[in-house]
PDB file of N, CA and C in Angstrom:
ATOM      1  N   MET A   1     163.936  73.591   1.547  1.00  0.00           N
ATOM      2  CA  MET A   1     164.236  74.358   2.732  1.00  0.00           C
ATOM      3  C   MET A   1     165.458  73.751   3.419  1.00  0.00           C
ATOM      4  N   LEU A   2     166.359  74.605   3.824  1.00  0.00           N
ATOM      5  CA  LEU A   2     167.551  74.141   4.539  1.00  0.00           C
ATOM      6  C   LEU A   2     167.207  73.901   5.996  1.00  0.00           C
ATOM      7  N   MET A   3     167.882  72.914   6.550  1.00  0.00           N
ATOM      8  CA  MET A   3     167.653  72.580   7.957  1.00  0.00           C
ATOM      9  C   MET A   3     168.966  72.713   8.717  1.00  0.00           C
ATOM     10  N   SER A   4     168.865  73.164   9.946  1.00  0.00           N
ATOM     11  CA  SER A   4     170.037  73.208  10.811  1.00  0.00           C
ATOM     12  C   SER A   4     170.327  71.789  11.289  1.00  0.00           C
ATOM     13  N   PRO A   5     171.500  71.553  11.886  1.00  0.00           N
ATOM     14  CA  PRO A   5     171.827  70.202  12.356  1.00  0.00           C
ATOM     15  C   PRO A   5     170.814  69.633  13.354  1.00  0.00           C
ATOM     16  N   ASP A   6     170.123  70.507  14.084  1.00  0.00           N
ATOM     17  CA  ASP A   6     169.141  70.016  15.050  1.00  0.00           C
ATOM     18  C   ASP A   6     167.735  69.902  14.466  1.00  0.00           C
ATOM     19  N   GLY A   7     167.612  70.021  13.142  1.00  0.00           N
ATOM     20  CA  GLY A   7     166.339  69.814  12.466  1.00  0.00           C
ATOM     21  C   GLY A   7     165.429  71.019  12.385  1.00  0.00           C
ATOM     22  N   VAL A   8     165.898  72.169  12.806  1.00  0.00           N
ATOM     23  CA  VAL A   8     165.105  73.400  12.746  1.00  0.00           C
ATOM     24  C   VAL A   8     165.332  74.054  11.385  1.00  0.00           C
ATOM     25  N   PRO A   9     164.260  74.527  10.743  1.00  0.00           N
ATOM     26  CA  PRO A   9     164.454  75.208   9.455  1.00  0.00           C
ATOM     27  C   PRO A   9     165.437  76.371   9.592  1.00  0.00           C
ATOM     28  N   LYS A  10     166.374  76.450   8.671  1.00  0.00           N
ATOM     29  CA  LYS A  10     167.406  77.488   8.707  1.00  0.00           C
ATOM     30  C   LYS A  10     167.032  78.607   7.748  1.00  0.00           C
ATOM     31  N   VAL A  11     167.011  79.817   8.259  1.00  0.00           N
ATOM     32  CA  VAL A  11     166.716  80.989   7.436  1.00  0.00           C
ATOM     33  C   VAL A  11     168.039  81.556   6.936  1.00  0.00           C
ATOM     34  N   GLU A  12     168.105  81.832   5.656  1.00  0.00           N
ATOM     35  CA  GLU A  12     169.288  82.460   5.070  1.00  0.00           C
ATOM     36  C   GLU A  12     168.881  83.812   4.505  1.00  0.00           C
ATOM     37  N   TYR A  13     169.829  84.744   4.571  1.00  0.00           N
ATOM     38  CA  TYR A  13     169.595  86.091   4.072  1.00  0.00           C
ATOM     39  C   TYR A  13     170.613  86.395   2.978  1.00  0.00           C
ATOM     40  N   PHE A  14     170.179  87.189   2.009  1.00  0.00           N
ATOM     41  CA  PHE A  14     171.018  87.571   0.882  1.00  0.00           C
ATOM     42  C   PHE A  14     170.937  89.085   0.700  1.00  0.00           C
ATOM     43  N   PHE A  15     172.034  89.667   0.218  1.00  0.00           N
ATOM     44  CA  PHE A  15     172.029  91.083  -0.141  1.00  0.00           C
ATOM     45  C   PHE A  15     171.923  91.175  -1.649  1.00  0.00           C
ATOM     46  N   ASN A  16     170.913  91.897  -2.128  1.00  0.00           N
ATOM     47  CA  ASN A  16     170.695  92.069  -3.559  1.00  0.00           C
ATOM     48  C   ASN A  16     171.437  93.328  -3.995  1.00  0.00           C
ATOM     49  N   THR A  17     172.453  93.169  -4.843  1.00  0.00           N
ATOM     50  CA  THR A  17     173.276  94.301  -5.264  1.00  0.00           C
ATOM     51  C   THR A  17     172.553  95.227  -6.236  1.00  0.00           C
ATOM     52  N   ARG A  18     171.516  94.729  -6.880  1.00  0.00           N
ATOM     53  CA  ARG A  18     170.754  95.566  -7.809  1.00  0.00           C
ATOM     54  C   ARG A  18     169.777  96.467  -7.050  1.00  0.00           C
ATOM     55  N   THR A  19     169.033  95.886  -6.115  1.00  0.00           N
ATOM     56  CA  THR A  19     168.033  96.662  -5.371  1.00  0.00           C
ATOM     57  C   THR A  19     168.591  97.262  -4.093  1.00  0.00           C
ATOM     58  N   ARG A  20     169.761  96.739  -3.658  1.00  0.00           N
ATOM     59  CA  ARG A  20     170.384  97.149  -2.406  1.00  0.00           C
ATOM     60  C   ARG A  20     169.489  96.844  -1.198  1.00  0.00           C
ATOM     61  N   MET A  21     168.761  95.747  -1.307  1.00  0.00           N
ATOM     62  CA  MET A  21     167.868  95.308  -0.237  1.00  0.00           C
ATOM     63  C   MET A  21     168.285  93.919   0.237  1.00  0.00           C
ATOM     64  N   VAL A  22     167.957  93.620   1.492  1.00  0.00           N
ATOM     65  CA  VAL A  22     168.180  92.287   2.043  1.00  0.00           C
ATOM     66  C   VAL A  22     166.956  91.438   1.725  1.00  0.00           C
ATOM     67  N   GLU A  23     167.213  90.213   1.289  1.00  0.00           N
ATOM     68  CA  GLU A  23     166.132  89.275   0.976  1.00  0.00           C
ATOM     69  C   GLU A  23     166.227  88.087   1.924  1.00  0.00           C
ATOM     70  N   GLN A  24     165.083  87.646   2.403  1.00  0.00           N
ATOM     71  CA  GLN A  24     165.038  86.435   3.217  1.00  0.00           C
ATOM     72  C   GLN A  24     164.815  85.270   2.275  1.00  0.00           C
ATOM     73  N   GLY A  25     165.811  84.394   2.192  1.00  0.00           N
ATOM     74  CA  GLY A  25     165.765  83.323   1.207  1.00  0.00           C
ATOM     75  C   GLY A  25     166.165  83.857  -0.154  1.00  0.00           C
ATOM     76  N   ARG A  26     166.483  82.952  -1.049  1.00  0.00           N
ATOM     77  CA  ARG A  26     166.910  83.368  -2.397  1.00  0.00           C
ATOM     78  C   ARG A  26     165.674  83.686  -3.224  1.00  0.00           C
ATOM     79  N   GLN A  27     165.465  84.972  -3.472  1.00  0.00           N
ATOM     80  CA  GLN A  27     164.311  85.427  -4.229  1.00  0.00           C
ATOM     81  C   GLN A  27     164.687  85.939  -5.618  1.00  0.00           C
ATOM     82  N   SER A  28     165.949  86.242  -5.809  1.00  0.00           N
ATOM     83  CA  SER A  28     166.408  86.854  -7.053  1.00  0.00           C
ATOM     84  C   SER A  28     167.483  85.993  -7.705  1.00  0.00           C
ATOM     85  N   SER A  29     167.872  86.417  -8.897  1.00  0.00           N
ATOM     86  CA  SER A  29     168.918  85.725  -9.637  1.00  0.00           C
ATOM     87  C   SER A  29     170.236  85.788  -8.870  1.00  0.00           C
ATOM     88  N   TRP A  30     171.004  84.694  -8.946  1.00  0.00           N
ATOM     89  CA  TRP A  30     172.301  84.634  -8.271  1.00  0.00           C
ATOM     90  C   TRP A  30     173.220  85.762  -8.706  1.00  0.00           C
ATOM     91  N   GLU A  31     173.083  86.228  -9.947  1.00  0.00           N
ATOM     92  CA  GLU A  31     174.005  87.263 -10.436  1.00  0.00           C
ATOM     93  C   GLU A  31     173.863  88.568  -9.661  1.00  0.00           C
ATOM     94  N   ASN A  32     172.767  88.749  -8.912  1.00  0.00           N
ATOM     95  CA  ASN A  32     172.546  89.968  -8.144  1.00  0.00           C
ATOM     96  C   ASN A  32     172.689  89.772  -6.642  1.00  0.00           C
ATOM     97  N   LEU A  33     173.084  88.585  -6.205  1.00  0.00           N
ATOM     98  CA  LEU A  33     173.066  88.299  -4.770  1.00  0.00           C
ATOM     99  C   LEU A  33     174.453  88.098  -4.175  1.00  0.00           C
ATOM    100  N   MET A  34     174.583  88.538  -2.937  1.00  0.00           N
ATOM    101  CA  MET A  34     175.746  88.221  -2.098  1.00  0.00           C
ATOM    102  C   MET A  34     175.198  87.422  -0.924  1.00  0.00           C
ATOM    103  N   GLY A  35     175.885  86.360  -0.578  1.00  0.00           N
ATOM    104  CA  GLY A  35     175.423  85.556   0.546  1.00  0.00           C
ATOM    105  C   GLY A  35     175.487  84.090   0.197  1.00  0.00           C
ATOM    106  N   PRO A  36     174.956  83.250   1.013  1.00  0.00           N
ATOM    107  CA  PRO A  36     174.002  83.547   2.073  1.00  0.00           C
ATOM    108  C   PRO A  36     174.674  83.987   3.377  1.00  0.00           C
ATOM    109  N   TYR A  37     173.895  84.702   4.174  1.00  0.00           N
ATOM    110  CA  TYR A  37     174.303  85.137   5.503  1.00  0.00           C
ATOM    111  C   TYR A  37     173.335  84.554   6.521  1.00  0.00           C
ATOM    112  N   ASP A  38     173.823  84.393   7.750  1.00  0.00           N
ATOM    113  CA  ASP A  38     172.998  83.799   8.796  1.00  0.00           C
ATOM    114  C   ASP A  38     172.032  84.786   9.450  1.00  0.00           C
ATOM    115  N   SER A  39     172.259  86.090   9.235  1.00  0.00           N
ATOM    116  CA  SER A  39     171.374  87.073   9.860  1.00  0.00           C
ATOM    117  C   SER A  39     171.080  88.217   8.890  1.00  0.00           C
ATOM    118  N   TYR A  40     169.996  88.907   9.154  1.00  0.00           N
ATOM    119  CA  TYR A  40     169.626  90.083   8.373  1.00  0.00           C
ATOM    120  C   TYR A  40     170.734  91.124   8.467  1.00  0.00           C
ATOM    121  N   GLU A  41     171.238  91.322   9.687  1.00  0.00           N
ATOM    122  CA  GLU A  41     172.264  92.336   9.918  1.00  0.00           C
ATOM    123  C   GLU A  41     173.532  92.055   9.127  1.00  0.00           C
ATOM    124  N   ALA A  42     173.949  90.794   9.088  1.00  0.00           N
ATOM    125  CA  ALA A  42     175.151  90.431   8.329  1.00  0.00           C
ATOM    126  C   ALA A  42     174.934  90.678   6.842  1.00  0.00           C
ATOM    127  N   ALA A  43     173.761  90.362   6.339  1.00  0.00           N
ATOM    128  CA  ALA A  43     173.460  90.612   4.926  1.00  0.00           C
ATOM    129  C   ALA A  43     173.433  92.108   4.639  1.00  0.00           C
ATOM    130  N   ALA A  44     172.899  92.884   5.559  1.00  0.00           N
ATOM    131  CA  ALA A  44     172.829  94.338   5.367  1.00  0.00           C
ATOM    132  C   ALA A  44     174.224  94.956   5.310  1.00  0.00           C
ATOM    133  N   ARG A  45     175.204  94.318   5.934  1.00  0.00           N
ATOM    134  CA  ARG A  45     176.584  94.807   5.930  1.00  0.00           C
ATOM    135  C   ARG A  45     177.430  94.174   4.827  1.00  0.00           C
ATOM    136  N   ALA A  46     176.820  93.484   3.893  1.00  0.00           N
ATOM    137  CA  ALA A  46     177.557  92.719   2.881  1.00  0.00           C
ATOM    138  C   ALA A  46     178.586  93.568   2.137  1.00  0.00           C
ATOM    139  N   LEU A  47     178.199  94.735   1.695  1.00  0.00           N
ATOM    140  CA  LEU A  47     179.139  95.575   0.940  1.00  0.00           C
ATOM    141  C   LEU A  47     180.285  96.069   1.833  1.00  0.00           C
ATOM    142  N   GLU A  48     179.971  96.435   3.061  1.00  0.00           N
ATOM    143  CA  GLU A  48     181.012  96.870   3.993  1.00  0.00           C
ATOM    144  C   GLU A  48     181.986  95.733   4.284  1.00  0.00           C
ATOM    145  N   THR A  49     181.450  94.550   4.512  1.00  0.00           N
ATOM    146  CA  THR A  49     182.292  93.385   4.789  1.00  0.00           C
ATOM    147  C   THR A  49     183.194  93.074   3.601  1.00  0.00           C
ATOM    148  N   ALA A  50     182.632  93.131   2.404  1.00  0.00           N
ATOM    149  CA  ALA A  50     183.418  92.875   1.199  1.00  0.00           C
ATOM    150  C   ALA A  50     184.541  93.909   1.067  1.00  0.00           C
ATOM    151  N   GLN A  51     184.246  95.178   1.348  1.00  0.00           N
ATOM    152  CA  GLN A  51     185.266  96.231   1.254  1.00  0.00           C
ATOM    153  C   GLN A  51     186.357  96.019   2.291  1.00  0.00           C
ATOM    154  N   GLU A  52     185.975  95.656   3.517  1.00  0.00           N
ATOM    155  CA  GLU A  52     186.962  95.400   4.570  1.00  0.00           C
ATOM    156  C   GLU A  52     187.885  94.245   4.192  1.00  0.00           C
ATOM    157  N   ARG A  53     187.311  93.192   3.630  1.00  0.00           N
ATOM    158  CA  ARG A  53     188.128  92.037   3.229  1.00  0.00           C
ATOM    159  C   ARG A  53     189.050  92.400   2.071  1.00  0.00           C
ATOM    160  N   THR A  54     188.546  93.172   1.113  1.00  0.00           N
ATOM    161  CA  THR A  54     189.372  93.605  -0.014  1.00  0.00           C
ATOM    162  C   THR A  54     190.529  94.453   0.470  1.00  0.00           C
ATOM    163  N   ASP A  55     190.254  95.377   1.385  1.00  0.00           N
ATOM    164  CA  ASP A  55     191.318  96.228   1.932  1.00  0.00           C
ATOM    165  C   ASP A  55     192.375  95.389   2.648  1.00  0.00           C
ATOM    166  N   ALA A  56     191.938  94.394   3.420  1.00  0.00           N
ATOM    167  CA  ALA A  56     192.883  93.534   4.138  1.00  0.00           C
ATOM    168  C   ALA A  56     193.731  92.725   3.161  1.00  0.00           C
ATOM    169  N   TRP A  57     193.099  92.194   2.120  1.00  0.00           N
ATOM    170  CA  TRP A  57     193.853  91.419   1.120  1.00  0.00           C
ATOM    171  C   TRP A  57     194.836  92.316   0.375  1.00  0.00           C
ATOM    172  N   ASP A  58     194.417  93.545   0.065  1.00  0.00           N
ATOM    173  CA  ASP A  58     195.325  94.484  -0.595  1.00  0.00           C
ATOM    174  C   ASP A  58     196.530  94.771   0.285  1.00  0.00           C
ATOM    175  N   GLU A  59     196.306  94.952   1.584  1.00  0.00           N
ATOM    176  CA  GLU A  59     197.403  95.193   2.515  1.00  0.00           C
ATOM    177  C   GLU A  59     198.322  93.979   2.588  1.00  0.00           C
ATOM    178  N   ASP A  60     197.751  92.790   2.631  1.00  0.00           N
ATOM    179  CA  ASP A  60     198.562  91.569   2.615  1.00  0.00           C
ATOM    180  C   ASP A  60     199.424  91.496   1.362  1.00  0.00           C
ATOM    181  N   ASP A  61     198.840  91.858   0.211  1.00  0.00           N
ATOM    182  CA  ASP A  61     199.591  91.851  -1.045  1.00  0.00           C
ATOM    183  C   ASP A  61     200.751  92.838  -0.990  1.00  0.00           C
ATOM    184  N   ARG A  62     200.505  94.047  -0.453  1.00  0.00           N
ATOM    185  CA  ARG A  62     201.573  95.042  -0.345  1.00  0.00           C
ATOM    186  C   ARG A  62     202.705  94.524   0.545  1.00  0.00           C
ATOM    187  N   GLU A  63     202.326  93.915   1.668  1.00  0.00           N
ATOM    188  CA  GLU A  63     203.342  93.367   2.573  1.00  0.00           C
ATOM    189  C   GLU A  63     204.120  92.247   1.895  1.00  0.00           C
ATOM    190  N   TRP A  64     203.449  91.391   1.168  1.00  0.00           N
ATOM    191  CA  TRP A  64     204.104  90.279   0.475  1.00  0.00           C
ATOM    192  C   TRP A  64     205.116  90.806  -0.542  1.00  0.00           C
ATOM    193  N   ARG A  65     204.762  91.928  -1.208  1.00  0.00           N
ATOM    194  CA  ARG A  65     205.659  92.509  -2.191  1.00  0.00           C
ATOM    195  C   ARG A  65     206.745  93.382  -1.547  1.00  0.00           C
ATOM    196  N   GLY A  66     206.650  93.574  -0.228  1.00  0.00           N
ATOM    197  CA  GLY A  66     207.647  94.378   0.483  1.00  0.00           C
ATOM    198  C   GLY A  66     207.410  95.860   0.376  1.00  0.00           C
ATOM    199  N   GLU A  67     206.211  96.271   0.057  1.00  0.00           N
ATOM    200  CA  GLU A  67     205.870  97.679  -0.064  1.00  0.00           C
ATOM    201  C   GLU A  67     205.383  98.211   1.275  1.00  0.00           C
ATOM    202  N   ARG A  68     205.601  99.475   1.478  1.00  0.00           N
ATOM    203  CA  ARG A  68     205.108 100.118   2.701  1.00  0.00           C
ATOM    204  C   ARG A  68     203.755 100.744   2.413  1.00  0.00           C
ATOM    205  N   GLY A  69     202.814 100.661   3.394  1.00  0.00           N
ATOM    206  CA  GLY A  69     201.460 101.189   3.219  1.00  0.00           C
ATOM    207  C   GLY A  69     201.288 102.595   3.489  1.00  0.00           C
TER     208      GLY A  69
END
């Protein structure tokens, strides 16, 4: 069990890409999980967050190459 710096058990959440469900703690194979996240809500948004980051990185790449968006 993971502990926070103040000695309280730390709960981690994972998004399972196969079942599309949030899991409390690692219950499934790593190949199907995104995370860990500090909250259920953050894990539930895992795919949205990943898409937002990918879009931002793609935009950065376009700017680096001097392309207009």
